[in-house]
Structure formats: structure tokens, C-alpha cells
Amino acid sequence: MKTIEEREKFDTYELEDSYDFKDGVRGRFYEPKKIPTTLRLDNDIILYFKKKASEQKVSYQSLINAYLRKEIGAL
């Protein structure tokens, strides 16, 4: 937790009236991490990954993603 003095420096901070973005590049650092998609899998496959995911306390989608990434050599 920040002290009152540490918080006060942010409370008094003001933005400039204008900024010069003429040399800015749109989306320069943006890189989409996940793409929503639909994938039809057999019920037993989903149940397997859901069971493993609950044991590892991660989402089953993340577990499937990790498995696929490992199998294809992490691109």
C-alpha cells in the first residue's frame, strides 16, 4: 500500500494541454495475443482437458493451447 505522500504526487499530476503525435506510429506495439475461434472437438477430448485443467488449476482452453503449442514446436 502506498503512503499518503506517495499518493499525493499522483493526485497533483496534470496532463499537458496537448501532445505532439506527428511522428507516432499507430499500433506499433500492439500484437494480438489470442484470437477467438470455434473449434469442434469430441466430447471425450473436452472432458479429458477439463479434468487435467482442474487438476492443474488452469483453464482448459489454456491447456489445449499449451498442448498444441508444444506439438507444433512453439512456432
PDB file of N, CA and C in Angstrom:
ATOM      1  N   MET A   1       0.844  -1.179   0.000  1.00  0.00           N
ATOM      2  CA  MET A   1       0.000   0.000   0.000  1.00  0.00           C
ATOM      3  C   MET A   1       0.886   1.238   0.000  1.00  0.00           C
ATOM      4  N   LYS A   2       0.518   2.211  -0.779  1.00  0.00           N
ATOM      5  CA  LYS A   2       1.298   3.434  -0.880  1.00  0.00           C
ATOM      6  C   LYS A   2       0.958   4.366   0.282  1.00  0.00           C
ATOM      7  N   THR A   3       1.942   5.143   0.679  1.00  0.00           N
ATOM      8  CA  THR A   3       1.702   6.109   1.742  1.00  0.00           C
ATOM      9  C   THR A   3       0.944   7.305   1.176  1.00  0.00           C
ATOM     10  N   ILE A   4       0.440   8.122   2.058  1.00  0.00           N
ATOM     11  CA  ILE A   4      -0.311   9.311   1.632  1.00  0.00           C
ATOM     12  C   ILE A   4       0.587  10.221   0.803  1.00  0.00           C
ATOM     13  N   GLU A   5       1.852  10.355   1.193  1.00  0.00           N
ATOM     14  CA  GLU A   5       2.780  11.206   0.448  1.00  0.00           C
ATOM     15  C   GLU A   5       2.998  10.677  -0.969  1.00  0.00           C
ATOM     16  N   GLU A   6       3.104   9.358  -1.088  1.00  0.00           N
ATOM     17  CA  GLU A   6       3.291   8.765  -2.418  1.00  0.00           C
ATOM     18  C   GLU A   6       2.056   8.961  -3.288  1.00  0.00           C
ATOM     19  N   ARG A   7       0.886   8.906  -2.689  1.00  0.00           N
ATOM     20  CA  ARG A   7      -0.347   9.117  -3.450  1.00  0.00           C
ATOM     21  C   ARG A   7      -0.518  10.568  -3.864  1.00  0.00           C
ATOM     22  N   GLU A   8      -0.066  11.494  -3.015  1.00  0.00           N
ATOM     23  CA  GLU A   8      -0.256  12.920  -3.299  1.00  0.00           C
ATOM     24  C   GLU A   8       0.445  13.353  -4.579  1.00  0.00           C
ATOM     25  N   LYS A   9       1.597  12.760  -4.893  1.00  0.00           N
ATOM     26  CA  LYS A   9       2.292  13.172  -6.110  1.00  0.00           C
ATOM     27  C   LYS A   9       1.494  12.813  -7.356  1.00  0.00           C
ATOM     28  N   PHE A  10       0.667  11.762  -7.279  1.00  0.00           N
ATOM     29  CA  PHE A  10      -0.192  11.411  -8.405  1.00  0.00           C
ATOM     30  C   PHE A  10      -1.466  12.247  -8.414  1.00  0.00           C
ATOM     31  N   ASP A  11      -1.924  12.660  -7.240  1.00  0.00           N
ATOM     32  CA  ASP A  11      -3.128  13.482  -7.159  1.00  0.00           C
ATOM     33  C   ASP A  11      -2.903  14.862  -7.755  1.00  0.00           C
ATOM     34  N   THR A  12      -1.672  15.356  -7.686  1.00  0.00           N
ATOM     35  CA  THR A  12      -1.392  16.704  -8.190  1.00  0.00           C
ATOM     36  C   THR A  12      -0.849  16.696  -9.614  1.00  0.00           C
ATOM     37  N   TYR A  13      -0.658  15.527 -10.202  1.00  0.00           N
ATOM     38  CA  TYR A  13      -0.127  15.433 -11.557  1.00  0.00           C
ATOM     39  C   TYR A  13      -1.186  15.859 -12.559  1.00  0.00           C
ATOM     40  N   GLU A  14      -0.798  16.713 -13.483  1.00  0.00           N
ATOM     41  CA  GLU A  14      -1.720  17.176 -14.521  1.00  0.00           C
ATOM     42  C   GLU A  14      -1.157  16.829 -15.889  1.00  0.00           C
ATOM     43  N   LEU A  15      -2.030  16.455 -16.804  1.00  0.00           N
ATOM     44  CA  LEU A  15      -1.623  16.194 -18.179  1.00  0.00           C
ATOM     45  C   LEU A  15      -1.368  17.508 -18.900  1.00  0.00           C
ATOM     46  N   GLU A  16      -0.520  17.444 -19.903  1.00  0.00           N
ATOM     47  CA  GLU A  16      -0.282  18.616 -20.739  1.00  0.00           C
ATOM     48  C   GLU A  16      -1.556  18.946 -21.508  1.00  0.00           C
ATOM     49  N   ASP A  17      -1.671  20.203 -21.962  1.00  0.00           N
ATOM     50  CA  ASP A  17      -2.846  20.592 -22.745  1.00  0.00           C
ATOM     51  C   ASP A  17      -2.871  19.889 -24.093  1.00  0.00           C
ATOM     52  N   SER A  18      -1.697  19.668 -24.679  1.00  0.00           N
ATOM     53  CA  SER A  18      -1.650  18.954 -25.955  1.00  0.00           C
ATOM     54  C   SER A  18      -0.313  18.229 -26.076  1.00  0.00           C
ATOM     55  N   TYR A  19      -0.316  17.203 -26.892  1.00  0.00           N
ATOM     56  CA  TYR A  19       0.882  16.411 -27.146  1.00  0.00           C
ATOM     57  C   TYR A  19       1.096  16.326 -28.647  1.00  0.00           C
ATOM     58  N   ASP A  20       2.358  16.218 -29.062  1.00  0.00           N
ATOM     59  CA  ASP A  20       2.685  16.144 -30.480  1.00  0.00           C
ATOM     60  C   ASP A  20       2.878  14.676 -30.872  1.00  0.00           C
ATOM     61  N   PHE A  21       1.936  14.157 -31.659  1.00  0.00           N
ATOM     62  CA  PHE A  21       1.997  12.768 -32.097  1.00  0.00           C
ATOM     63  C   PHE A  21       2.314  12.654 -33.584  1.00  0.00           C
ATOM     64  N   LYS A  22       2.897  13.690 -34.172  1.00  0.00           N
ATOM     65  CA  LYS A  22       3.115  13.679 -35.623  1.00  0.00           C
ATOM     66  C   LYS A  22       4.060  12.558 -36.059  1.00  0.00           C
ATOM     67  N   ASP A  23       4.967  12.138 -35.195  1.00  0.00           N
ATOM     68  CA  ASP A  23       5.884  11.051 -35.541  1.00  0.00           C
ATOM     69  C   ASP A  23       5.434   9.712 -34.951  1.00  0.00           C
ATOM     70  N   GLY A  24       4.244   9.691 -34.373  1.00  0.00           N
ATOM     71  CA  GLY A  24       3.726   8.465 -33.769  1.00  0.00           C
ATOM     72  C   GLY A  24       3.346   7.440 -34.823  1.00  0.00           C
ATOM     73  N   VAL A  25       3.434   6.187 -34.451  1.00  0.00           N
ATOM     74  CA  VAL A  25       3.073   5.092 -35.346  1.00  0.00           C
ATOM     75  C   VAL A  25       1.924   4.328 -34.704  1.00  0.00           C
ATOM     76  N   ARG A  26       0.792   4.271 -35.393  1.00  0.00           N
ATOM     77  CA  ARG A  26      -0.388   3.595 -34.856  1.00  0.00           C
ATOM     78  C   ARG A  26      -0.145   2.087 -34.777  1.00  0.00           C
ATOM     79  N   GLY A  27      -0.447   1.518 -33.614  1.00  0.00           N
ATOM     80  CA  GLY A  27      -0.371   0.071 -33.438  1.00  0.00           C
ATOM     81  C   GLY A  27       1.038  -0.489 -33.417  1.00  0.00           C
ATOM     82  N   ARG A  28       2.020   0.333 -33.189  1.00  0.00           N
ATOM     83  CA  ARG A  28       3.413  -0.111 -33.247  1.00  0.00           C
ATOM     84  C   ARG A  28       3.711  -1.265 -32.290  1.00  0.00           C
ATOM     85  N   PHE A  29       3.176  -1.193 -31.097  1.00  0.00           N
ATOM     86  CA  PHE A  29       3.476  -2.211 -30.095  1.00  0.00           C
ATOM     87  C   PHE A  29       2.321  -3.177 -29.880  1.00  0.00           C
ATOM     88  N   TYR A  30       1.258  -3.026 -30.641  1.00  0.00           N
ATOM     89  CA  TYR A  30       0.096  -3.902 -30.472  1.00  0.00           C
ATOM     90  C   TYR A  30       0.334  -5.229 -31.175  1.00  0.00           C
ATOM     91  N   GLU A  31       0.143  -6.283 -30.434  1.00  0.00           N
ATOM     92  CA  GLU A  31       0.260  -7.621 -31.001  1.00  0.00           C
ATOM     93  C   GLU A  31      -0.838  -8.479 -30.377  1.00  0.00           C
ATOM     94  N   PRO A  32      -1.833  -8.859 -31.174  1.00  0.00           N
ATOM     95  CA  PRO A  32      -2.915  -9.642 -30.573  1.00  0.00           C
ATOM     96  C   PRO A  32      -2.390 -10.960 -30.009  1.00  0.00           C
ATOM     97  N   LYS A  33      -2.802 -11.254 -28.803  1.00  0.00           N
ATOM     98  CA  LYS A  33      -2.304 -12.454 -28.142  1.00  0.00           C
ATOM     99  C   LYS A  33      -3.186 -13.666 -28.419  1.00  0.00           C
ATOM    100  N   LYS A  34      -4.472 -13.475 -28.381  1.00  0.00           N
ATOM    101  CA  LYS A  34      -5.406 -14.581 -28.578  1.00  0.00           C
ATOM    102  C   LYS A  34      -6.437 -14.176 -29.622  1.00  0.00           C
ATOM    103  N   ILE A  35      -6.856 -15.126 -30.409  1.00  0.00           N
ATOM    104  CA  ILE A  35      -7.880 -14.900 -31.423  1.00  0.00           C
ATOM    105  C   ILE A  35      -9.059 -15.804 -31.097  1.00  0.00           C
ATOM    106  N   PRO A  36     -10.235 -15.225 -30.857  1.00  0.00           N
ATOM    107  CA  PRO A  36     -11.391 -16.076 -30.578  1.00  0.00           C
ATOM    108  C   PRO A  36     -11.768 -16.900 -31.807  1.00  0.00           C
ATOM    109  N   THR A  37     -12.005 -18.170 -31.600  1.00  0.00           N
ATOM    110  CA  THR A  37     -12.348 -19.058 -32.704  1.00  0.00           C
ATOM    111  C   THR A  37     -13.242 -20.184 -32.201  1.00  0.00           C
ATOM    112  N   THR A  38     -13.879 -20.862 -33.112  1.00  0.00           N
ATOM    113  CA  THR A  38     -14.688 -22.026 -32.771  1.00  0.00           C
ATOM    114  C   THR A  38     -13.976 -23.267 -33.282  1.00  0.00           C
ATOM    115  N   LEU A  39     -13.865 -24.247 -32.427  1.00  0.00           N
ATOM    116  CA  LEU A  39     -13.196 -25.495 -32.777  1.00  0.00           C
ATOM    117  C   LEU A  39     -14.071 -26.642 -32.288  1.00  0.00           C
ATOM    118  N   ARG A  40     -14.457 -27.501 -33.176  1.00  0.00           N
ATOM    119  CA  ARG A  40     -15.319 -28.630 -32.797  1.00  0.00           C
ATOM    120  C   ARG A  40     -14.444 -29.824 -32.406  1.00  0.00           C
ATOM    121  N   LEU A  41     -14.578 -30.216 -31.136  1.00  0.00           N
ATOM    122  CA  LEU A  41     -13.812 -31.343 -30.608  1.00  0.00           C
ATOM    123  C   LEU A  41     -14.771 -32.390 -30.065  1.00  0.00           C
ATOM    124  N   ASP A  42     -14.324 -33.627 -30.043  1.00  0.00           N
ATOM    125  CA  ASP A  42     -15.132 -34.699 -29.467  1.00  0.00           C
ATOM    126  C   ASP A  42     -15.306 -34.470 -27.969  1.00  0.00           C
ATOM    127  N   ASN A  43     -16.429 -34.943 -27.456  1.00  0.00           N
ATOM    128  CA  ASN A  43     -16.755 -34.749 -26.051  1.00  0.00           C
ATOM    129  C   ASN A  43     -15.684 -35.332 -25.126  1.00  0.00           C
ATOM    130  N   ASP A  44     -15.162 -36.511 -25.447  1.00  0.00           N
ATOM    131  CA  ASP A  44     -14.157 -37.132 -24.580  1.00  0.00           C
ATOM    132  C   ASP A  44     -12.865 -36.314 -24.534  1.00  0.00           C
ATOM    133  N   ILE A  45     -12.540 -35.635 -25.619  1.00  0.00           N
ATOM    134  CA  ILE A  45     -11.347 -34.775 -25.639  1.00  0.00           C
ATOM    135  C   ILE A  45     -11.545 -33.591 -24.698  1.00  0.00           C
ATOM    136  N   ILE A  46     -12.716 -32.963 -24.784  1.00  0.00           N
ATOM    137  CA  ILE A  46     -13.021 -31.829 -23.906  1.00  0.00           C
ATOM    138  C   ILE A  46     -13.009 -32.266 -22.443  1.00  0.00           C
ATOM    139  N   LEU A  47     -13.632 -33.391 -22.145  1.00  0.00           N
ATOM    140  CA  LEU A  47     -13.657 -33.887 -20.765  1.00  0.00           C
ATOM    141  C   LEU A  47     -12.249 -34.168 -20.249  1.00  0.00           C
ATOM    142  N   TYR A  48     -11.403 -34.744 -21.093  1.00  0.00           N
ATOM    143  CA  TYR A  48     -10.017 -35.020 -20.711  1.00  0.00           C
ATOM    144  C   TYR A  48      -9.295 -33.723 -20.330  1.00  0.00           C
ATOM    145  N   PHE A  49      -9.391 -32.709 -21.203  1.00  0.00           N
ATOM    146  CA  PHE A  49      -8.685 -31.458 -20.938  1.00  0.00           C
ATOM    147  C   PHE A  49      -9.291 -30.701 -19.757  1.00  0.00           C
ATOM    148  N   LYS A  50     -10.593 -30.775 -19.572  1.00  0.00           N
ATOM    149  CA  LYS A  50     -11.210 -30.122 -18.412  1.00  0.00           C
ATOM    150  C   LYS A  50     -10.745 -30.769 -17.113  1.00  0.00           C
ATOM    151  N   LYS A  51     -10.631 -32.102 -17.111  1.00  0.00           N
ATOM    152  CA  LYS A  51     -10.166 -32.809 -15.917  1.00  0.00           C
ATOM    153  C   LYS A  51      -8.716 -32.431 -15.609  1.00  0.00           C
ATOM    154  N   LYS A  52      -7.856 -32.482 -16.632  1.00  0.00           N
ATOM    155  CA  LYS A  52      -6.443 -32.119 -16.438  1.00  0.00           C
ATOM    156  C   LYS A  52      -6.307 -30.658 -16.011  1.00  0.00           C
ATOM    157  N   ALA A  53      -7.124 -29.799 -16.595  1.00  0.00           N
ATOM    158  CA  ALA A  53      -7.060 -28.373 -16.278  1.00  0.00           C
ATOM    159  C   ALA A  53      -7.459 -28.112 -14.830  1.00  0.00           C
ATOM    160  N   SER A  54      -8.482 -28.805 -14.342  1.00  0.00           N
ATOM    161  CA  SER A  54      -8.888 -28.595 -12.950  1.00  0.00           C
ATOM    162  C   SER A  54      -7.809 -29.097 -11.990  1.00  0.00           C
ATOM    163  N   GLU A  55      -7.113 -30.163 -12.358  1.00  0.00           N
ATOM    164  CA  GLU A  55      -6.006 -30.662 -11.529  1.00  0.00           C
ATOM    165  C   GLU A  55      -4.863 -29.654 -11.474  1.00  0.00           C
ATOM    166  N   GLN A  56      -4.622 -28.980 -12.600  1.00  0.00           N
ATOM    167  CA  GLN A  56      -3.516 -28.022 -12.682  1.00  0.00           C
ATOM    168  C   GLN A  56      -3.952 -26.594 -12.351  1.00  0.00           C
ATOM    169  N   LYS A  57      -5.251 -26.406 -12.100  1.00  0.00           N
ATOM    170  CA  LYS A  57      -5.821 -25.097 -11.768  1.00  0.00           C
ATOM    171  C   LYS A  57      -5.561 -24.058 -12.860  1.00  0.00           C
ATOM    172  N   VAL A  58      -5.805 -24.467 -14.093  1.00  0.00           N
ATOM    173  CA  VAL A  58      -5.742 -23.563 -15.249  1.00  0.00           C
ATOM    174  C   VAL A  58      -7.015 -23.785 -16.066  1.00  0.00           C
ATOM    175  N   SER A  59      -7.262 -22.910 -17.023  1.00  0.00           N
ATOM    176  CA  SER A  59      -8.433 -23.110 -17.874  1.00  0.00           C
ATOM    177  C   SER A  59      -8.140 -24.204 -18.897  1.00  0.00           C
ATOM    178  N   TYR A  60      -9.186 -24.902 -19.300  1.00  0.00           N
ATOM    179  CA  TYR A  60      -8.966 -25.985 -20.263  1.00  0.00           C
ATOM    180  C   TYR A  60      -8.553 -25.438 -21.620  1.00  0.00           C
ATOM    181  N   GLN A  61      -9.006 -24.218 -21.955  1.00  0.00           N
ATOM    182  CA  GLN A  61      -8.578 -23.619 -23.219  1.00  0.00           C
ATOM    183  C   GLN A  61      -7.071 -23.350 -23.211  1.00  0.00           C
ATOM    184  N   SER A  62      -6.569 -22.863 -22.080  1.00  0.00           N
ATOM    185  CA  SER A  62      -5.127 -22.615 -21.963  1.00  0.00           C
ATOM    186  C   SER A  62      -4.338 -23.911 -22.045  1.00  0.00           C
ATOM    187  N   LEU A  63      -4.884 -24.963 -21.468  1.00  0.00           N
ATOM    188  CA  LEU A  63      -4.214 -26.258 -21.508  1.00  0.00           C
ATOM    189  C   LEU A  63      -4.171 -26.806 -22.934  1.00  0.00           C
ATOM    190  N   ILE A  64      -5.273 -26.696 -23.659  1.00  0.00           N
ATOM    191  CA  ILE A  64      -5.295 -27.131 -25.059  1.00  0.00           C
ATOM    192  C   ILE A  64      -4.305 -26.309 -25.872  1.00  0.00           C
ATOM    193  N   ASN A  65      -4.269 -24.995 -25.627  1.00  0.00           N
ATOM    194  CA  ASN A  65      -3.340 -24.120 -26.337  1.00  0.00           C
ATOM    195  C   ASN A  65      -1.889 -24.528 -26.071  1.00  0.00           C
ATOM    196  N   ALA A  66      -1.564 -24.807 -24.806  1.00  0.00           N
ATOM    197  CA  ALA A  66      -0.205 -25.215 -24.450  1.00  0.00           C
ATOM    198  C   ALA A  66       0.161 -26.541 -25.113  1.00  0.00           C
ATOM    199  N   TYR A  67      -0.785 -27.467 -25.138  1.00  0.00           N
ATOM    200  CA  TYR A  67      -0.537 -28.763 -25.768  1.00  0.00           C
ATOM    201  C   TYR A  67      -0.276 -28.596 -27.265  1.00  0.00           C
ATOM    202  N   LEU A  68      -1.114 -27.820 -27.928  1.00  0.00           N
ATOM    203  CA  LEU A  68      -0.931 -27.595 -29.367  1.00  0.00           C
ATOM    204  C   LEU A  68       0.392 -26.881 -29.649  1.00  0.00           C
ATOM    205  N   ARG A  69       0.720 -25.890 -28.818  1.00  0.00           N
ATOM    206  CA  ARG A  69       1.977 -25.151 -28.999  1.00  0.00           C
ATOM    207  C   ARG A  69       3.176 -26.086 -28.863  1.00  0.00           C
ATOM    208  N   LYS A  70       3.116 -26.986 -27.882  1.00  0.00           N
ATOM    209  CA  LYS A  70       4.201 -27.953 -27.677  1.00  0.00           C
ATOM    210  C   LYS A  70       4.320 -28.889 -28.881  1.00  0.00           C
ATOM    211  N   GLU A  71       3.191 -29.338 -29.393  1.00  0.00           N
ATOM    212  CA  GLU A  71       3.190 -30.283 -30.509  1.00  0.00           C
ATOM    213  C   GLU A  71       3.692 -29.679 -31.817  1.00  0.00           C
ATOM    214  N   ILE A  72       3.460 -28.398 -32.027  1.00  0.00           N
ATOM    215  CA  ILE A  72       3.902 -27.791 -33.287  1.00  0.00           C
ATOM    216  C   ILE A  72       5.253 -27.106 -33.157  1.00  0.00           C
ATOM    217  N   GLY A  73       5.869 -27.191 -31.999  1.00  0.00           N
ATOM    218  CA  GLY A  73       7.211 -26.649 -31.837  1.00  0.00           C
ATOM    219  C   GLY A  73       7.263 -25.175 -31.513  1.00  0.00           C
ATOM    220  N   ALA A  74       6.228 -24.652 -30.902  1.00  0.00           N
ATOM    221  CA  ALA A  74       6.161 -23.270 -30.406  1.00  0.00           C
ATOM    222  C   ALA A  74       6.392 -22.221 -31.480  1.00  0.00           C
ATOM    223  N   LEU A  75       6.115 -22.554 -32.724  1.00  0.00           N
ATOM    224  CA  LEU A  75       6.235 -21.598 -33.838  1.00  0.00           C
ATOM    225  C   LEU A  75       7.379 -20.654 -33.603  1.00  0.00           C
TER     226      LEU A  75
END
